[in-house]
Amino acid sequence: MVVERELTRRGYDAVYEGNRYFLIDGRSYLLQGCTLPMGGVPMQRTVLKPM
């Protein structure tokens, strides 16, 4: 998963647990995504909410 790779690249201990849940540095997070229009082109934004 792209998010897991990016977090690992930035030095976090990240594991995708499935069903939009991540374990990052021992804490559980829920992945939420939204699509925003930017200059007429859709851009996807990823938000990790702590559980």
PDB file of N, CA and C in Angstrom:
ATOM      1  N   MET A   1       0.847  -1.170   0.000  1.00  0.00           N
ATOM      2  CA  MET A   1       0.000   0.000   0.000  1.00  0.00           C
ATOM      3  C   MET A   1       0.899   1.241   0.000  1.00  0.00           C
ATOM      4  N   VAL A   2       0.516   2.239  -0.741  1.00  0.00           N
ATOM      5  CA  VAL A   2       1.318   3.441  -0.935  1.00  0.00           C
ATOM      6  C   VAL A   2       1.507   4.194   0.383  1.00  0.00           C
ATOM      7  N   VAL A   3       0.469   4.293   1.190  1.00  0.00           N
ATOM      8  CA  VAL A   3       0.552   5.026   2.454  1.00  0.00           C
ATOM      9  C   VAL A   3       1.563   4.351   3.380  1.00  0.00           C
ATOM     10  N   GLU A   4       1.524   3.044   3.469  1.00  0.00           N
ATOM     11  CA  GLU A   4       2.453   2.293   4.323  1.00  0.00           C
ATOM     12  C   GLU A   4       3.900   2.526   3.869  1.00  0.00           C
ATOM     13  N   ARG A   5       4.142   2.476   2.569  1.00  0.00           N
ATOM     14  CA  ARG A   5       5.487   2.710   2.036  1.00  0.00           C
ATOM     15  C   ARG A   5       5.986   4.118   2.353  1.00  0.00           C
ATOM     16  N   GLU A   6       5.130   5.102   2.196  1.00  0.00           N
ATOM     17  CA  GLU A   6       5.517   6.489   2.453  1.00  0.00           C
ATOM     18  C   GLU A   6       5.821   6.705   3.936  1.00  0.00           C
ATOM     19  N   LEU A   7       5.017   6.145   4.818  1.00  0.00           N
ATOM     20  CA  LEU A   7       5.274   6.283   6.251  1.00  0.00           C
ATOM     21  C   LEU A   7       6.591   5.610   6.637  1.00  0.00           C
ATOM     22  N   THR A   8       6.849   4.434   6.078  1.00  0.00           N
ATOM     23  CA  THR A   8       8.100   3.729   6.352  1.00  0.00           C
ATOM     24  C   THR A   8       9.282   4.528   5.825  1.00  0.00           C
ATOM     25  N   ARG A   9       9.141   5.113   4.656  1.00  0.00           N
ATOM     26  CA  ARG A   9      10.201   5.938   4.073  1.00  0.00           C
ATOM     27  C   ARG A   9      10.522   7.140   4.964  1.00  0.00           C
ATOM     28  N   ARG A  10       9.502   7.667   5.633  1.00  0.00           N
ATOM     29  CA  ARG A  10       9.692   8.825   6.518  1.00  0.00           C
ATOM     30  C   ARG A  10      10.190   8.424   7.907  1.00  0.00           C
ATOM     31  N   GLY A  11      10.395   7.123   8.136  1.00  0.00           N
ATOM     32  CA  GLY A  11      10.984   6.677   9.394  1.00  0.00           C
ATOM     33  C   GLY A  11      10.015   6.150  10.424  1.00  0.00           C
ATOM     34  N   TYR A  12       8.743   6.021  10.069  1.00  0.00           N
ATOM     35  CA  TYR A  12       7.753   5.479  10.993  1.00  0.00           C
ATOM     36  C   TYR A  12       7.729   3.958  10.893  1.00  0.00           C
ATOM     37  N   ASP A  13       7.368   3.308  11.986  1.00  0.00           N
ATOM     38  CA  ASP A  13       7.148   1.865  11.981  1.00  0.00           C
ATOM     39  C   ASP A  13       5.674   1.660  11.655  1.00  0.00           C
ATOM     40  N   ALA A  14       5.348   1.443  10.377  1.00  0.00           N
ATOM     41  CA  ALA A  14       3.959   1.395   9.922  1.00  0.00           C
ATOM     42  C   ALA A  14       3.614   0.026   9.356  1.00  0.00           C
ATOM     43  N   VAL A  15       2.434  -0.474   9.764  1.00  0.00           N
ATOM     44  CA  VAL A  15       1.936  -1.760   9.283  1.00  0.00           C
ATOM     45  C   VAL A  15       0.463  -1.599   8.941  1.00  0.00           C
ATOM     46  N   TYR A  16       0.080  -2.011   7.727  1.00  0.00           N
ATOM     47  CA  TYR A  16      -1.329  -2.001   7.341  1.00  0.00           C
ATOM     48  C   TYR A  16      -1.974  -3.261   7.877  1.00  0.00           C
ATOM     49  N   GLU A  17      -3.018  -3.087   8.723  1.00  0.00           N
ATOM     50  CA  GLU A  17      -3.688  -4.224   9.356  1.00  0.00           C
ATOM     51  C   GLU A  17      -4.911  -4.692   8.587  1.00  0.00           C
ATOM     52  N   GLY A  18      -5.316  -3.969   7.571  1.00  0.00           N
ATOM     53  CA  GLY A  18      -6.488  -4.333   6.782  1.00  0.00           C
ATOM     54  C   GLY A  18      -7.702  -3.508   7.180  1.00  0.00           C
ATOM     55  N   ASN A  19      -8.679  -3.480   6.302  1.00  0.00           N
ATOM     56  CA  ASN A  19      -9.940  -2.774   6.539  1.00  0.00           C
ATOM     57  C   ASN A  19      -9.717  -1.312   6.937  1.00  0.00           C
ATOM     58  N   ARG A  20      -8.741  -0.655   6.299  1.00  0.00           N
ATOM     59  CA  ARG A  20      -8.395   0.760   6.475  1.00  0.00           C
ATOM     60  C   ARG A  20      -7.733   1.086   7.809  1.00  0.00           C
ATOM     61  N   TYR A  21      -7.249   0.088   8.540  1.00  0.00           N
ATOM     62  CA  TYR A  21      -6.572   0.330   9.817  1.00  0.00           C
ATOM     63  C   TYR A  21      -5.063   0.169   9.677  1.00  0.00           C
ATOM     64  N   PHE A  22      -4.331   1.086  10.306  1.00  0.00           N
ATOM     65  CA  PHE A  22      -2.876   1.066  10.327  1.00  0.00           C
ATOM     66  C   PHE A  22      -2.394   1.024  11.765  1.00  0.00           C
ATOM     67  N   LEU A  23      -1.266   0.397  11.982  1.00  0.00           N
ATOM     68  CA  LEU A  23      -0.566   0.442  13.254  1.00  0.00           C
ATOM     69  C   LEU A  23       0.713   1.229  12.992  1.00  0.00           C
ATOM     70  N   ILE A  24       0.813   2.429  13.577  1.00  0.00           N
ATOM     71  CA  ILE A  24       1.942   3.313  13.341  1.00  0.00           C
ATOM     72  C   ILE A  24       2.597   3.617  14.682  1.00  0.00           C
ATOM     73  N   ASP A  25       3.848   3.182  14.811  1.00  0.00           N
ATOM     74  CA  ASP A  25       4.608   3.369  16.051  1.00  0.00           C
ATOM     75  C   ASP A  25       3.823   2.907  17.276  1.00  0.00           C
ATOM     76  N   GLY A  26       3.116   1.788  17.137  1.00  0.00           N
ATOM     77  CA  GLY A  26       2.395   1.188  18.257  1.00  0.00           C
ATOM     78  C   GLY A  26       1.012   1.755  18.512  1.00  0.00           C
ATOM     79  N   ARG A  27       0.571   2.712  17.724  1.00  0.00           N
ATOM     80  CA  ARG A  27      -0.761   3.300  17.897  1.00  0.00           C
ATOM     81  C   ARG A  27      -1.630   2.976  16.688  1.00  0.00           C
ATOM     82  N   SER A  28      -2.916   2.793  16.921  1.00  0.00           N
ATOM     83  CA  SER A  28      -3.861   2.417  15.872  1.00  0.00           C
ATOM     84  C   SER A  28      -4.465   3.669  15.227  1.00  0.00           C
ATOM     85  N   TYR A  29      -4.554   3.659  13.880  1.00  0.00           N
ATOM     86  CA  TYR A  29      -5.118   4.768  13.112  1.00  0.00           C
ATOM     87  C   TYR A  29      -6.084   4.232  12.068  1.00  0.00           C
ATOM     88  N   LEU A  30      -7.100   5.027  11.761  1.00  0.00           N
ATOM     89  CA  LEU A  30      -8.061   4.715  10.716  1.00  0.00           C
ATOM     90  C   LEU A  30      -7.793   5.612   9.523  1.00  0.00           C
ATOM     91  N   LEU A  31      -7.688   5.028   8.335  1.00  0.00           N
ATOM     92  CA  LEU A  31      -7.444   5.772   7.103  1.00  0.00           C
ATOM     93  C   LEU A  31      -8.749   6.323   6.564  1.00  0.00           C
ATOM     94  N   GLN A  32      -8.774   7.629   6.335  1.00  0.00           N
ATOM     95  CA  GLN A  32      -9.926   8.261   5.711  1.00  0.00           C
ATOM     96  C   GLN A  32      -9.422   9.034   4.503  1.00  0.00           C
ATOM     97  N   GLY A  33     -10.082   8.887   3.385  1.00  0.00           N
ATOM     98  CA  GLY A  33      -9.685   9.585   2.181  1.00  0.00           C
ATOM     99  C   GLY A  33     -10.807  10.453   1.677  1.00  0.00           C
ATOM    100  N   CYS A  34     -10.450  11.554   1.048  1.00  0.00           N
ATOM    101  CA  CYS A  34     -11.458  12.400   0.420  1.00  0.00           C
ATOM    102  C   CYS A  34     -10.865  12.961  -0.865  1.00  0.00           C
ATOM    103  N   THR A  35     -11.719  13.250  -1.810  1.00  0.00           N
ATOM    104  CA  THR A  35     -11.291  13.794  -3.093  1.00  0.00           C
ATOM    105  C   THR A  35     -11.705  15.256  -3.160  1.00  0.00           C
ATOM    106  N   LEU A  36     -10.731  16.127  -3.447  1.00  0.00           N
ATOM    107  CA  LEU A  36     -10.975  17.560  -3.513  1.00  0.00           C
ATOM    108  C   LEU A  36     -10.666  18.072  -4.914  1.00  0.00           C
ATOM    109  N   PRO A  37     -11.499  18.966  -5.446  1.00  0.00           N
ATOM    110  CA  PRO A  37     -11.170  19.562  -6.747  1.00  0.00           C
ATOM    111  C   PRO A  37     -10.101  20.645  -6.583  1.00  0.00           C
ATOM    112  N   MET A  38      -9.020  20.531  -7.343  1.00  0.00           N
ATOM    113  CA  MET A  38      -7.947  21.526  -7.309  1.00  0.00           C
ATOM    114  C   MET A  38      -7.725  22.030  -8.733  1.00  0.00           C
ATOM    115  N   GLY A  39      -8.236  23.187  -9.035  1.00  0.00           N
ATOM    116  CA  GLY A  39      -8.081  23.751 -10.370  1.00  0.00           C
ATOM    117  C   GLY A  39      -8.752  22.902 -11.442  1.00  0.00           C
ATOM    118  N   GLY A  40      -9.858  22.271 -11.106  1.00  0.00           N
ATOM    119  CA  GLY A  40     -10.586  21.439 -12.057  1.00  0.00           C
ATOM    120  C   GLY A  40     -10.080  20.004 -12.142  1.00  0.00           C
ATOM    121  N   VAL A  41      -8.994  19.682 -11.416  1.00  0.00           N
ATOM    122  CA  VAL A  41      -8.432  18.337 -11.420  1.00  0.00           C
ATOM    123  C   VAL A  41      -8.656  17.724 -10.038  1.00  0.00           C
ATOM    124  N   PRO A  42      -9.265  16.534  -9.956  1.00  0.00           N
ATOM    125  CA  PRO A  42      -9.480  15.936  -8.639  1.00  0.00           C
ATOM    126  C   PRO A  42      -8.166  15.501  -7.992  1.00  0.00           C
ATOM    127  N   MET A  43      -8.041  15.787  -6.693  1.00  0.00           N
ATOM    128  CA  MET A  43      -6.862  15.409  -5.930  1.00  0.00           C
ATOM    129  C   MET A  43      -7.334  14.622  -4.700  1.00  0.00           C
ATOM    130  N   GLN A  44      -6.722  13.466  -4.466  1.00  0.00           N
ATOM    131  CA  GLN A  44      -7.108  12.664  -3.315  1.00  0.00           C
ATOM    132  C   GLN A  44      -6.231  13.017  -2.129  1.00  0.00           C
ATOM    133  N   ARG A  45      -6.860  13.201  -0.996  1.00  0.00           N
ATOM    134  CA  ARG A  45      -6.161  13.526   0.243  1.00  0.00           C
ATOM    135  C   ARG A  45      -6.366  12.387   1.230  1.00  0.00           C
ATOM    136  N   THR A  46      -5.288  11.992   1.909  1.00  0.00           N
ATOM    137  CA  THR A  46      -5.335  10.896   2.858  1.00  0.00           C
ATOM    138  C   THR A  46      -5.213  11.459   4.271  1.00  0.00           C
ATOM    139  N   VAL A  47      -6.127  11.036   5.156  1.00  0.00           N
ATOM    140  CA  VAL A  47      -6.129  11.480   6.542  1.00  0.00           C
ATOM    141  C   VAL A  47      -6.087  10.243   7.436  1.00  0.00           C
ATOM    142  N   LEU A  48      -5.174  10.245   8.409  1.00  0.00           N
ATOM    143  CA  LEU A  48      -5.084   9.160   9.383  1.00  0.00           C
ATOM    144  C   LEU A  48      -5.617   9.674  10.711  1.00  0.00           C
ATOM    145  N   LYS A  49      -6.728   9.088  11.180  1.00  0.00           N
ATOM    146  CA  LYS A  49      -7.362   9.499  12.431  1.00  0.00           C
ATOM    147  C   LYS A  49      -6.936   8.537  13.538  1.00  0.00           C
ATOM    148  N   PRO A  50      -6.422   9.049  14.666  1.00  0.00           N
ATOM    149  CA  PRO A  50      -6.059   8.165  15.776  1.00  0.00           C
ATOM    150  C   PRO A  50      -7.301   7.495  16.367  1.00  0.00           C
ATOM    151  N   MET A  51      -7.137   6.268  16.782  1.00  0.00           N
ATOM    152  CA  MET A  51      -8.259   5.526  17.392  1.00  0.00           C
ATOM    153  C   MET A  51      -8.085   5.472  18.883  1.00  0.00           C
TER     154      MET A  51
END
